């Protein structure tokens, strides 16, 4: 039996279920969309369904690395290149498709799920200092996984509004 096939219970099972449910809501917003629709700005916001999925995937990768003790440093200078890289996580760049982004999101999710099964949830790491985060704040691995679920849920709501504006489809209701 591989680690992926091992049965988990208790808190780990709850976290895995929470992540799966929130990801399911987000993925549902993209069902049946063309690449053009996935990159359509249907509200005043610059956000798109595809861009939100890409962003959530990027955020999940970041927090999965944090949960493994692989911290990164926030940029100290917001150069045009840093700003462009930030903006690119919210939109498809040349050659990206919805199918590609969803496939990559599946890989990121599988990695996170393995970490939920195996990491010490009580391990703590310092959050990177940033304009919105002072130094000296620590989060547990558990909190990182819960934050992934929170971020996913928040953006699933954004994606749902955008999708409903495109063609009337809603995740719930």
Protein backbone atom coordinates (compact mmCIF):
# COMPACT_ATOMS: atom_id res chain seq x y z
CA UNK A 1 0.00 0.00 0.00
CA UNK A 2 1.46 3.36 -1.02
CA UNK A 3 1.15 6.47 1.12
CA UNK A 4 -1.48 7.84 -1.27
CA UNK A 5 -3.61 4.76 -0.66
CA UNK A 6 -3.28 4.83 3.11
CA UNK A 7 -6.48 5.61 4.93
CA UNK A 8 -6.36 8.76 7.00
CA UNK A 9 -8.78 9.70 9.70
CA UNK A 10 -9.49 12.45 12.16
CA UNK A 11 -8.08 15.89 11.55
CA UNK A 12 -6.11 14.90 8.46
CA UNK A 13 -9.21 13.43 6.83
CA UNK A 14 -11.13 16.59 7.68
CA UNK A 15 -8.45 18.79 6.08
CA UNK A 16 -8.34 16.60 2.97
CA UNK A 17 -12.13 16.73 2.68
CA UNK A 18 -12.19 20.51 3.17
CA UNK A 19 -9.56 20.99 0.46
CA UNK A 20 -11.30 18.61 -1.95
CA UNK A 21 -14.69 20.28 -1.46
CA UNK A 22 -13.35 23.80 -1.98
CA UNK A 23 -11.33 22.75 -5.03
CA UNK A 24 -14.43 21.06 -6.42
CA UNK A 25 -16.40 24.30 -6.20
CA UNK A 26 -13.61 26.16 -8.00
CA UNK A 27 -13.21 23.52 -10.72
CA UNK A 28 -16.98 23.45 -11.25
CA UNK A 29 -16.90 27.09 -12.36
CA UNK A 30 -14.72 26.06 -15.33
CA UNK A 31 -16.77 23.07 -16.51
CA UNK A 32 -17.61 23.36 -20.18
CA UNK A 33 -15.83 26.67 -20.72
CA UNK A 34 -13.75 27.31 -23.80
CA UNK A 35 -10.34 28.92 -23.40
CA UNK A 36 -11.87 32.17 -24.62
CA UNK A 37 -14.63 32.02 -22.00
CA UNK A 38 -12.13 31.04 -19.28
CA UNK A 39 -10.21 34.24 -20.01
CA UNK A 40 -13.28 36.47 -20.35
CA UNK A 41 -13.60 39.47 -18.07
CA UNK A 42 -17.34 39.46 -17.49
CA UNK A 43 -17.41 41.99 -14.64
CA UNK A 44 -15.61 45.27 -13.95
CA UNK A 45 -12.86 43.25 -12.32
CA UNK A 46 -9.86 42.07 -14.33
CA UNK A 47 -10.37 38.59 -12.85
CA UNK A 48 -11.33 35.63 -15.04
CA UNK A 49 -12.31 32.06 -14.19
CA UNK A 50 -9.10 30.68 -15.68
CA UNK A 51 -6.96 33.35 -14.06
CA UNK A 52 -8.46 32.63 -10.65
CA UNK A 53 -7.77 28.92 -10.99
CA UNK A 54 -4.18 29.69 -11.99
CA UNK A 55 -3.80 32.07 -9.03
CA UNK A 56 -5.24 29.58 -6.54
CA UNK A 57 -2.87 26.92 -7.89
CA UNK A 58 0.10 29.28 -7.46
CA UNK A 59 -0.97 30.17 -3.92
CA UNK A 60 -1.40 26.50 -3.04
CA UNK A 61 2.11 25.74 -4.34
CA UNK A 62 3.50 28.55 -2.20
CA UNK A 63 1.81 27.33 0.98
CA UNK A 64 2.77 23.71 0.30
CA UNK A 65 6.39 24.86 0.12
CA UNK A 66 5.92 26.82 3.34
CA UNK A 67 4.51 23.68 5.01
CA UNK A 68 7.75 21.91 4.11
CA UNK A 69 9.84 24.66 5.70
CA UNK A 70 10.86 26.14 2.36
CA UNK A 71 10.30 29.81 3.03
CA UNK A 72 10.84 32.49 0.46
CA UNK A 73 11.64 36.13 0.69
CA UNK A 74 9.15 38.76 -0.37
CA UNK A 75 10.45 41.17 -2.97
CA UNK A 76 11.97 44.26 -1.45
CA UNK A 77 11.46 46.29 -4.59
CA UNK A 78 8.39 46.17 -6.79
CA UNK A 79 10.05 46.46 -10.18
CA UNK A 80 8.05 46.24 -13.40
CA UNK A 81 9.24 42.62 -13.71
CA UNK A 82 8.02 41.71 -10.20
CA UNK A 83 4.68 43.37 -10.88
CA UNK A 84 4.32 41.61 -14.25
CA UNK A 85 5.09 38.23 -12.66
CA UNK A 86 2.44 38.89 -10.01
CA UNK A 87 -0.12 39.86 -12.65
CA UNK A 88 0.72 36.78 -14.77
CA UNK A 89 -0.47 34.47 -12.00
CA UNK A 90 -3.97 35.91 -12.55
CA UNK A 91 -4.09 35.43 -16.33
CA UNK A 92 -3.15 32.98 -19.02
CA UNK A 93 0.09 33.78 -20.79
CA UNK A 94 0.95 32.82 -24.35
CA UNK A 95 0.30 29.13 -24.96
CA UNK A 96 -1.59 28.40 -21.72
CA UNK A 97 -4.95 26.70 -21.96
CA UNK A 98 -7.66 25.95 -19.44
CA UNK A 99 -6.98 22.22 -19.83
CA UNK A 100 -3.28 22.76 -19.10
CA UNK A 101 -3.95 24.89 -16.03
CA UNK A 102 -6.49 22.40 -14.67
CA UNK A 103 -4.05 19.52 -15.23
CA UNK A 104 -1.30 21.39 -13.40
CA UNK A 105 -3.73 22.24 -10.60
CA UNK A 106 -4.43 18.50 -10.21
CA UNK A 107 -0.70 17.86 -9.75
CA UNK A 108 -0.38 20.65 -7.19
CA UNK A 109 -3.43 19.31 -5.32
CA UNK A 110 -1.98 15.78 -5.26
CA UNK A 111 1.27 17.10 -3.80
CA UNK A 112 -0.60 19.06 -1.12
CA UNK A 113 -2.72 16.03 -0.24
CA UNK A 114 0.40 13.93 0.25
CA UNK A 115 1.80 16.61 2.54
CA UNK A 116 -1.44 16.68 4.58
CA UNK A 117 -1.06 12.92 5.05
CA UNK A 118 2.59 13.03 6.07
CA UNK A 119 3.76 16.32 7.59
CA UNK A 120 3.73 17.22 11.27
CA UNK A 121 0.71 19.51 11.48
CA UNK A 122 2.12 21.17 14.60
CA UNK A 123 5.44 22.18 13.00
CA UNK A 124 5.78 25.97 12.90
CA UNK A 125 7.56 28.24 10.47
CA UNK A 126 7.95 31.97 10.35
CA UNK A 127 5.87 33.81 7.79
CA UNK A 128 7.86 35.93 5.41
CA UNK A 129 7.99 39.58 6.30
CA UNK A 130 6.02 41.69 3.84
CA UNK A 131 4.32 45.08 3.81
CA UNK A 132 1.17 43.35 5.12
CA UNK A 133 2.99 40.98 7.51
CA UNK A 134 5.44 42.02 10.23
CA UNK A 135 8.40 39.76 11.04
CA UNK A 136 8.17 37.27 13.88
CA UNK A 137 4.80 35.70 13.08
CA UNK A 138 4.73 31.89 12.98
CA UNK A 139 2.12 29.57 11.51
CA UNK A 140 1.71 25.87 11.95
CA UNK A 141 1.61 23.54 8.96
CA UNK A 142 -2.05 22.98 9.89
CA UNK A 143 -2.75 26.71 9.50
CA UNK A 144 -1.08 26.72 6.08
CA UNK A 145 -3.40 23.94 4.88
CA UNK A 146 -6.44 25.70 6.33
CA UNK A 147 -5.33 28.91 4.62
CA UNK A 148 -5.18 27.06 1.28
CA UNK A 149 -8.80 25.98 1.82
CA UNK A 150 -9.82 29.52 2.77
CA UNK A 151 -8.10 31.07 -0.23
CA UNK A 152 -9.65 28.47 -2.54
CA UNK A 153 -13.14 29.07 -1.13
CA UNK A 154 -12.82 32.85 -1.43
CA UNK A 155 -11.74 32.68 -5.06
CA UNK A 156 -14.30 30.00 -5.92
CA UNK A 157 -16.90 32.60 -4.98
CA UNK A 158 -15.27 35.15 -7.24
CA UNK A 159 -15.13 32.61 -10.07
CA UNK A 160 -18.77 31.69 -9.54
CA UNK A 161 -19.87 35.31 -10.01
CA UNK A 162 -17.75 35.63 -13.15
CA UNK A 163 -19.10 32.37 -14.57
CA UNK A 164 -22.70 33.28 -13.83
CA UNK A 165 -22.17 36.55 -15.69
CA UNK A 166 -20.76 34.68 -18.71
CA UNK A 167 -23.53 32.13 -19.23
CA UNK A 168 -25.77 31.90 -16.17
CA UNK A 169 -24.20 28.73 -14.70
CA UNK A 170 -23.84 28.74 -10.92
CA UNK A 171 -22.00 26.35 -8.64
CA UNK A 172 -24.85 26.22 -6.16
CA UNK A 173 -28.39 27.53 -6.16
